[in-house]
Amino acid sequence: MLIRTKAYARAGLIGNPSDGYNGKTIAFTFDAFHASIELWESPELELLPSRRDHSVFAGLNDLHGDVQKHGYYGGFRLLKATCKVFFDYCQSRGITLDDRNFTLRYKSNIPNQVGLAGSSAIITACARALMGFYNVAISRHSLANLVLAVENCELAIPAGLQDRVAQAYGGLVYMDFDKQLMDERGYGTYELLDPTPIANALYIAYREDLSQGTEVYHNDLRTRFKKHDPQVLEAIQKWANLTEEFRDTMSRVFRPGNSANPSTEEFLQPGLPVPRSNGEVGKDRLISSLSALLNENFDLRAALFDVGDGNRELVNTARSFGASAKFAGSGGAIVGLIEDDDPYEAMKAKFETMGVRVLRPRVV
């Protein structure tokens, strides 16, 4: 029996980084990049290393380049920790696992440490493979919690639930990590949204030479949060409010077949009441409204923390072509909206001269 599983890259669309602090976010998974697992029964339990885990190099220069690209840790520790936490999960719930062994190997083409959730994708795909091999059913919200436990508890990687929820559910996901819900039942309110209104306007741009681990950013944020820094607390609430505005605006988009006439519709400004009695927003003006919210999300983040000159250059370059831009994660990659093909192609050409990759993600 050969089991194959996948987990896709994730982009934080709005609200991040409030997910670890009882905030609200929207994120999506897309199929340009993914982590995959192959697992089959074998006499002994064996975890096979990937290219990111090799320890033989052509020379010191090769070793240096490998560390620059992949960091000091590959995916091997993620697999071991996932197997351990999966076993703990089953034991704590009285689930008896049979005594079969397996061999497991992974692959990932998700760019390393640019905020596209590469680590959690490997863990999610691994957990799904173990679920299939041992015939263990785990709900999607519990799977997200399991993946977070692998990173937080086993590997001491500070992170929130956003990446894990998005990858457990798949698609465009709204998340409300309300404190009372999290305390009472251990998970928030998760809702799959229709990506159609924004699907053709999304873009992602990234450069791997700006990468840094998520722990670098989140350690500082966590410290300030624990000290009840008023700026941080206010920002978390604002990010949550932006997320609500984004979701509400998308839900009011004009759709073909409706009786409303979008050509006579007033432009919906963020934070202002909808001028039409039926509350719909014409799709031709939707992107501008949502873009303002995305830009505000990043600007608030940049006012609180040093985002780095390279990351700021990514954002400013995208905005110079009329695109909105914000971090897709902790830095190194940005996500935003740019509707027309001509400015998108011009932006892409400019980014390519800077060594930046740009793509139109397909939400899956």
Protein backbone atom coordinates (compact mmCIF):
# COMPACT_ATOMS: atom_id res chain seq x y z
CA MET A 1 0.00 0.00 0.00
CA LEU A 2 1.43 3.35 -1.08
CA ILE A 3 -0.05 6.48 0.46
CA ARG A 4 0.51 9.87 -1.13
CA THR A 5 -0.57 13.13 0.48
CA LYS A 6 -0.10 16.84 -0.20
CA ALA A 7 -0.37 20.15 1.58
CA TYR A 8 -0.22 23.41 -0.36
CA ALA A 9 1.60 26.66 0.27
CA ARG A 10 -0.34 29.32 2.17
CA ALA A 11 -0.51 33.11 1.84
CA GLY A 12 -1.86 35.27 4.67
CA LEU A 13 -4.20 37.62 2.86
CA ILE A 14 -5.28 39.93 5.67
CA GLY A 15 -5.28 40.15 9.46
CA ASN A 16 -1.89 38.59 10.04
CA PRO A 17 -0.03 38.55 12.34
CA SER A 18 -2.93 38.65 14.82
CA ASP A 19 -3.71 34.92 14.56
CA GLY A 20 -1.53 33.99 17.53
CA TYR A 21 -3.15 36.67 19.68
CA ASN A 22 -6.88 35.90 19.46
CA GLY A 23 -7.24 37.98 16.33
CA LYS A 24 -8.93 37.36 12.97
CA THR A 25 -7.36 36.53 9.63
CA ILE A 26 -8.09 35.40 6.09
CA ALA A 27 -5.61 33.17 4.27
CA PHE A 28 -5.60 30.94 1.21
CA THR A 29 -3.79 27.90 -0.11
CA PHE A 30 -2.58 27.84 -3.71
CA ASP A 31 -1.21 25.16 -6.00
CA ALA A 32 2.01 26.70 -7.29
CA PHE A 33 3.93 25.09 -4.42
CA HIS A 34 3.29 22.11 -2.19
CA ALA A 35 4.83 19.58 0.17
CA SER A 36 4.18 15.91 -0.55
CA ILE A 37 4.58 12.68 1.39
CA GLU A 38 4.94 9.10 0.21
CA LEU A 39 4.48 6.37 2.83
CA TRP A 40 4.50 2.59 2.46
CA GLU A 41 4.62 -0.41 4.78
CA SER A 42 8.09 -1.77 5.58
CA PRO A 43 9.78 -4.10 8.11
CA GLU A 44 11.28 -1.18 10.03
CA LEU A 45 10.16 2.39 10.58
CA GLU A 46 12.37 4.61 8.45
CA LEU A 47 12.27 8.31 7.64
CA LEU A 48 14.13 9.17 4.46
CA PRO A 49 15.94 12.50 4.13
CA SER A 50 15.19 14.90 1.31
CA ARG A 51 17.58 17.15 -0.59
CA ARG A 52 17.18 19.71 2.19
CA ASP A 53 18.57 17.23 4.70
CA HIS A 54 21.77 16.04 3.05
CA SER A 55 25.08 16.27 4.90
CA VAL A 56 27.57 15.65 2.09
CA PHE A 57 28.75 18.68 0.13
CA ALA A 58 31.08 19.36 -2.78
CA GLY A 59 32.99 21.85 -0.67
CA LEU A 60 32.74 24.66 1.83
CA ASN A 61 31.22 26.97 -0.77
CA ASP A 62 28.51 24.39 -1.48
CA LEU A 63 27.76 24.03 2.23
CA HIS A 64 27.58 27.81 2.58
CA GLY A 65 25.12 28.09 -0.31
CA ASP A 66 22.96 25.31 1.11
CA VAL A 67 22.71 27.05 4.49
CA GLN A 68 21.88 30.34 2.77
CA LYS A 69 19.05 28.70 0.86
CA HIS A 70 17.62 26.20 3.35
CA GLY A 71 18.87 27.32 6.76
CA TYR A 72 20.36 24.92 9.29
CA TYR A 73 17.32 22.69 9.55
CA GLY A 74 15.70 20.63 6.84
CA GLY A 75 12.44 18.75 7.01
CA PHE A 76 13.74 15.67 8.84
CA ARG A 77 13.09 17.08 12.32
CA LEU A 78 9.56 18.01 11.22
CA LEU A 79 8.82 14.39 10.27
CA LYS A 80 10.15 12.99 13.54
CA ALA A 81 8.22 15.52 15.60
CA THR A 82 5.00 14.86 13.63
CA CYS A 83 5.24 11.11 14.17
CA LYS A 84 5.82 11.67 17.89
CA VAL A 85 2.90 14.10 18.31
CA PHE A 86 0.60 11.86 16.23
CA PHE A 87 1.42 8.96 18.56
CA ASP A 88 0.76 11.18 21.61
CA TYR A 89 -2.55 12.30 20.09
CA CYS A 90 -3.72 8.72 19.59
CA GLN A 91 -2.60 7.58 23.03
CA SER A 92 -4.36 10.49 24.75
CA ARG A 93 -7.62 9.52 23.03
CA GLY A 94 -7.41 5.79 23.55
CA ILE A 95 -6.78 5.07 19.87
CA THR A 96 -4.83 1.82 19.47
CA LEU A 97 -2.39 1.77 16.58
CA ASP A 98 -1.40 -1.55 15.01
CA ASP A 99 2.22 -2.65 15.03
CA ARG A 100 2.94 -2.19 11.34
CA ASN A 101 5.98 -0.12 10.38
CA PHE A 102 6.45 2.19 7.44
CA THR A 103 8.97 4.07 5.35
CA LEU A 104 8.25 7.74 4.75
CA ARG A 105 9.81 10.30 2.45
CA TYR A 106 8.93 13.87 1.64
CA LYS A 107 9.44 16.47 -1.05
CA SER A 108 8.74 20.18 -1.00
CA ASN A 109 9.12 22.92 -3.58
CA ILE A 110 7.82 25.65 -1.28
CA PRO A 111 10.41 28.44 -1.13
CA ASN A 112 12.20 28.28 2.18
CA GLN A 113 11.54 30.85 4.94
CA VAL A 114 9.67 33.44 2.88
CA GLY A 115 6.39 33.21 4.77
CA LEU A 116 4.54 30.70 2.58
CA ALA A 117 4.17 28.10 5.37
CA GLY A 118 6.61 25.52 4.07
CA SER A 119 7.25 23.87 7.43
CA SER A 120 3.59 23.48 8.35
CA ALA A 121 2.88 22.09 4.87
CA ILE A 122 5.38 19.26 5.45
CA ILE A 123 3.86 18.54 8.87
CA THR A 124 0.28 18.64 7.55
CA ALA A 125 1.06 16.29 4.67
CA CYS A 126 2.90 13.94 7.06
CA ALA A 127 0.00 13.89 9.53
CA ARG A 128 -2.44 13.11 6.70
CA ALA A 129 -0.26 10.20 5.57
CA LEU A 130 -0.17 8.78 9.11
CA MET A 131 -3.95 9.16 9.37
CA GLY A 132 -4.35 7.19 6.16
CA PHE A 133 -1.87 4.47 7.09
CA TYR A 134 -3.37 3.82 10.53
CA ASN A 135 -6.96 4.61 9.48
CA VAL A 136 -7.33 7.36 12.11
CA ALA A 137 -9.91 10.10 11.49
CA ILE A 138 -8.99 13.57 12.74
CA SER A 139 -11.23 16.60 12.23
CA ARG A 140 -9.81 19.53 10.31
CA HIS A 141 -9.70 21.86 13.30
CA SER A 142 -8.00 19.13 15.37
CA LEU A 143 -5.49 18.52 12.58
CA ALA A 144 -4.60 22.22 12.63
CA ASN A 145 -4.08 22.05 16.41
CA LEU A 146 -1.92 18.94 16.03
CA VAL A 147 0.31 20.66 13.47
CA LEU A 148 0.64 23.69 15.74
CA ALA A 149 1.61 21.42 18.65
CA VAL A 150 4.40 19.93 16.53
CA GLU A 151 5.86 23.37 15.92
CA ASN A 152 5.12 25.08 19.24
CA CYS A 153 5.52 22.29 21.76
CA GLU A 154 7.98 19.89 20.15
CA LEU A 155 10.20 22.23 18.14
CA ALA A 156 9.71 25.53 20.00
CA ILE A 157 8.84 27.36 16.78
CA PRO A 158 6.59 30.31 17.73
CA ALA A 159 3.62 30.53 15.40
CA GLY A 160 -0.14 30.95 15.34
CA LEU A 161 -2.90 28.78 13.93
CA GLN A 162 -3.46 30.65 10.66
CA ASP A 163 -1.13 28.58 8.46
CA ARG A 164 -2.28 25.28 9.93
CA VAL A 165 -6.00 26.06 9.67
CA ALA A 166 -5.65 27.22 6.06
CA GLN A 167 -3.75 24.07 5.12
CA ALA A 168 -6.08 21.76 7.04
CA TYR A 169 -9.20 23.24 5.42
CA GLY A 170 -7.82 24.32 2.03
CA GLY A 171 -9.05 27.23 -0.09
CA LEU A 172 -9.83 30.76 1.08
CA VAL A 173 -10.45 30.58 4.82
CA TYR A 174 -11.76 33.15 7.29
CA MET A 175 -10.57 32.56 10.87
CA ASP A 176 -11.74 34.08 14.13
CA PHE A 177 -9.57 33.02 17.07
CA ASP A 178 -11.92 34.40 19.70
CA LYS A 179 -10.36 33.95 23.14
CA GLN A 180 -13.49 32.55 24.77
CA LEU A 181 -13.93 29.94 22.04
CA MET A 182 -10.25 29.04 22.10
CA ASP A 183 -10.31 28.64 25.88
CA GLU A 184 -13.56 26.65 25.95
CA ARG A 185 -13.16 24.29 23.00
CA GLY A 186 -9.61 24.76 21.72
CA TYR A 187 -10.41 26.14 18.28
CA GLY A 188 -12.02 29.20 16.75
CA THR A 189 -14.60 29.89 14.05
CA TYR A 190 -13.39 28.82 10.61
CA GLU A 191 -15.33 29.59 7.44
CA LEU A 192 -14.58 28.76 3.81
CA LEU A 193 -15.11 31.78 1.54
CA ASP A 194 -15.78 31.94 -2.18
CA PRO A 195 -12.55 33.21 -3.81
CA THR A 196 -14.23 34.04 -7.14
CA PRO A 197 -14.47 37.84 -6.63
CA ILE A 198 -10.69 38.19 -6.18
CA ALA A 199 -9.30 35.07 -7.88
CA ASN A 200 -8.15 36.80 -11.07
CA ALA A 201 -6.62 39.78 -9.25
CA LEU A 202 -4.37 37.97 -6.77
CA TYR A 203 -0.60 37.96 -7.14
CA ILE A 204 2.35 36.81 -5.03
CA ALA A 205 5.94 38.04 -5.27
CA TYR A 206 8.90 36.69 -3.32
CA ARG A 207 12.67 36.72 -3.09
CA GLU A 208 14.55 34.11 -1.10
CA ASP A 209 17.46 36.35 -0.17
CA LEU A 210 15.13 38.21 2.23
CA SER A 211 14.09 35.06 4.06
CA GLN A 212 14.16 34.71 7.80
CA GLY A 213 12.53 32.24 10.16
CA THR A 214 9.10 33.09 11.51
CA GLU A 215 10.51 32.88 15.04
CA VAL A 216 12.62 36.00 14.47
CA TYR A 217 9.53 38.15 13.97
CA HIS A 218 7.15 36.41 16.34
CA ASN A 219 9.55 36.41 19.29
CA ASP A 220 9.55 40.21 19.31
CA LEU A 221 5.77 40.42 18.85
CA ARG A 222 5.14 37.87 21.61
CA THR A 223 7.38 39.75 24.02
CA ARG A 224 5.58 43.04 23.42
CA PHE A 225 2.19 41.35 23.62
CA LYS A 226 3.00 39.78 26.99
CA LYS A 227 4.07 43.19 28.27
CA HIS A 228 0.65 44.55 27.19
CA ASP A 229 2.26 47.03 24.84
CA PRO A 230 -0.68 49.34 24.00
CA GLN A 231 0.49 49.79 20.39
CA VAL A 232 0.56 46.04 19.84
CA LEU A 233 -2.83 45.47 21.49
CA GLU A 234 -4.39 48.23 19.41
CA ALA A 235 -2.83 46.85 16.24
CA ILE A 236 -4.19 43.35 16.87
CA GLN A 237 -7.68 44.77 17.19
CA LYS A 238 -7.24 46.85 14.02
CA TRP A 239 -6.02 43.82 12.07
CA ALA A 240 -9.10 41.94 13.22
CA ASN A 241 -11.34 44.83 12.13
CA LEU A 242 -9.67 44.93 8.70
CA THR A 243 -10.34 41.22 8.32
CA GLU A 244 -14.03 41.71 9.07
CA GLU A 245 -14.24 44.60 6.59
CA PHE A 246 -12.55 42.51 3.92
CA ARG A 247 -14.92 39.58 4.37
CA ASP A 248 -18.00 41.82 4.52
CA THR A 249 -16.98 43.73 1.39
CA MET A 250 -16.41 40.49 -0.55
CA SER A 251 -19.83 39.24 0.48
CA ARG A 252 -21.47 42.35 -1.01
CA VAL A 253 -19.88 41.97 -4.43
CA PHE A 254 -22.21 42.34 -7.42
CA ARG A 255 -22.73 39.04 -9.23
CA PRO A 256 -24.12 38.55 -12.76
CA GLY A 257 -27.83 37.85 -12.65
CA ASN A 258 -28.51 40.14 -9.72
CA SER A 259 -31.00 42.96 -10.27
CA ALA A 260 -28.56 45.63 -9.16
CA ASN A 261 -26.89 47.80 -11.78
CA PRO A 262 -23.21 48.09 -10.86
CA SER A 263 -22.64 51.00 -13.22
CA THR A 264 -24.70 53.29 -10.99
CA GLU A 265 -23.19 52.06 -7.76
CA GLU A 266 -21.18 54.25 -5.42
CA PHE A 267 -17.66 53.24 -4.50
CA LEU A 268 -17.54 51.51 -1.12
CA GLN A 269 -14.89 53.16 1.05
CA PRO A 270 -13.52 51.04 3.91
CA GLY A 271 -15.25 51.93 7.16
CA LEU A 272 -18.11 53.84 5.51
CA PRO A 273 -21.68 52.57 5.09
CA VAL A 274 -22.67 51.00 1.80
CA PRO A 275 -24.58 53.63 -0.20
CA ARG A 276 -26.92 51.19 -1.97
CA SER A 277 -29.98 49.87 -0.20
CA ASN A 278 -29.20 46.29 -1.20
CA GLY A 279 -25.60 46.64 0.02
CA GLU A 280 -23.92 45.22 -3.09
CA VAL A 281 -20.53 46.30 -4.42
CA GLY A 282 -19.88 46.26 -8.15
CA LYS A 283 -17.05 43.89 -9.02
CA ASP A 284 -15.41 46.54 -11.18
CA ARG A 285 -14.84 48.61 -8.04
CA LEU A 286 -14.34 45.81 -5.55
CA ILE A 287 -10.58 45.48 -6.01
CA SER A 288 -9.90 49.13 -5.14
CA SER A 289 -11.86 48.81 -1.93
CA LEU A 290 -10.18 45.59 -0.85
CA SER A 291 -6.75 46.88 -1.87
CA ALA A 292 -7.06 49.79 0.54
CA LEU A 293 -7.61 47.32 3.37
CA LEU A 294 -4.58 45.23 2.39
CA ASN A 295 -2.36 48.31 2.24
CA GLU A 296 -3.56 49.47 5.64
CA ASN A 297 -2.73 46.03 7.06
CA PHE A 298 0.91 46.35 5.97
CA ASP A 299 1.27 50.01 6.89
CA LEU A 300 0.15 49.26 10.43
CA ARG A 301 2.67 46.44 10.66
CA ALA A 302 5.48 48.61 9.30
CA ALA A 303 4.67 51.30 11.89
CA LEU A 304 5.19 48.78 14.69
CA PHE A 305 8.25 46.87 13.51
CA ASP A 306 11.30 47.27 11.33
CA VAL A 307 10.20 45.35 8.23
CA GLY A 308 13.59 45.74 6.54
CA ASP A 309 14.62 47.78 3.53
CA GLY A 310 14.40 44.82 1.15
CA ASN A 311 10.85 43.95 2.19
CA ARG A 312 9.80 47.59 2.01
CA GLU A 313 11.25 47.77 -1.51
CA LEU A 314 9.07 44.82 -2.53
CA VAL A 315 5.96 46.56 -1.25
CA ASN A 316 6.81 49.98 -2.68
CA THR A 317 7.63 48.51 -6.10
CA ALA A 318 4.31 46.68 -6.28
CA ARG A 319 2.40 49.78 -5.20
CA SER A 320 4.11 51.88 -7.85
CA PHE A 321 2.24 49.81 -10.44
CA GLY A 322 -1.11 50.30 -8.71
CA ALA A 323 -1.08 47.00 -6.85
CA SER A 324 -1.85 46.58 -3.18
CA ALA A 325 0.85 44.82 -1.19
CA LYS A 326 1.41 43.29 2.23
CA PHE A 327 3.40 40.44 3.73
CA ALA A 328 2.17 36.96 2.89
CA GLY A 329 3.79 35.79 6.12
CA SER A 330 6.75 37.02 8.11
CA GLY A 331 8.67 38.62 5.27
CA GLY A 332 10.32 37.72 1.99
CA ALA A 333 7.01 37.30 0.16
CA ILE A 334 4.20 39.74 -0.49
CA VAL A 335 0.61 39.23 -1.58
CA GLY A 336 -1.85 41.69 -3.02
CA LEU A 337 -4.37 42.54 -5.70
CA ILE A 338 -3.78 43.94 -9.17
CA GLU A 339 -6.67 43.46 -11.58
CA ASP A 340 -5.56 44.40 -15.08
CA ASP A 341 -3.10 42.31 -17.07
CA ASP A 342 -1.08 45.21 -18.49
CA PRO A 343 0.08 46.71 -15.16
CA TYR A 344 0.59 43.17 -13.82
CA GLU A 345 2.92 42.28 -16.70
CA ALA A 346 4.80 45.57 -16.26
CA MET A 347 5.17 44.93 -12.53
CA LYS A 348 6.32 41.37 -13.19
CA ALA A 349 8.96 42.59 -15.66
CA LYS A 350 10.27 45.11 -13.13
CA PHE A 351 10.41 42.52 -10.37
CA GLU A 352 12.32 40.12 -12.60
CA THR A 353 15.10 42.69 -12.99
CA MET A 354 15.32 42.70 -9.17
CA GLY A 355 15.57 38.91 -8.90
CA VAL A 356 12.00 38.66 -7.62
CA ARG A 357 9.62 35.91 -8.75
CA VAL A 358 5.98 36.86 -9.40
CA LEU A 359 3.00 34.61 -10.01
CA ARG A 360 -0.77 34.55 -10.22
CA PRO A 361 -1.77 32.02 -7.56
CA ARG A 362 -4.65 29.60 -8.14
CA VAL A 363 -6.61 29.09 -4.94
CA VAL A 364 -7.09 25.39 -4.12
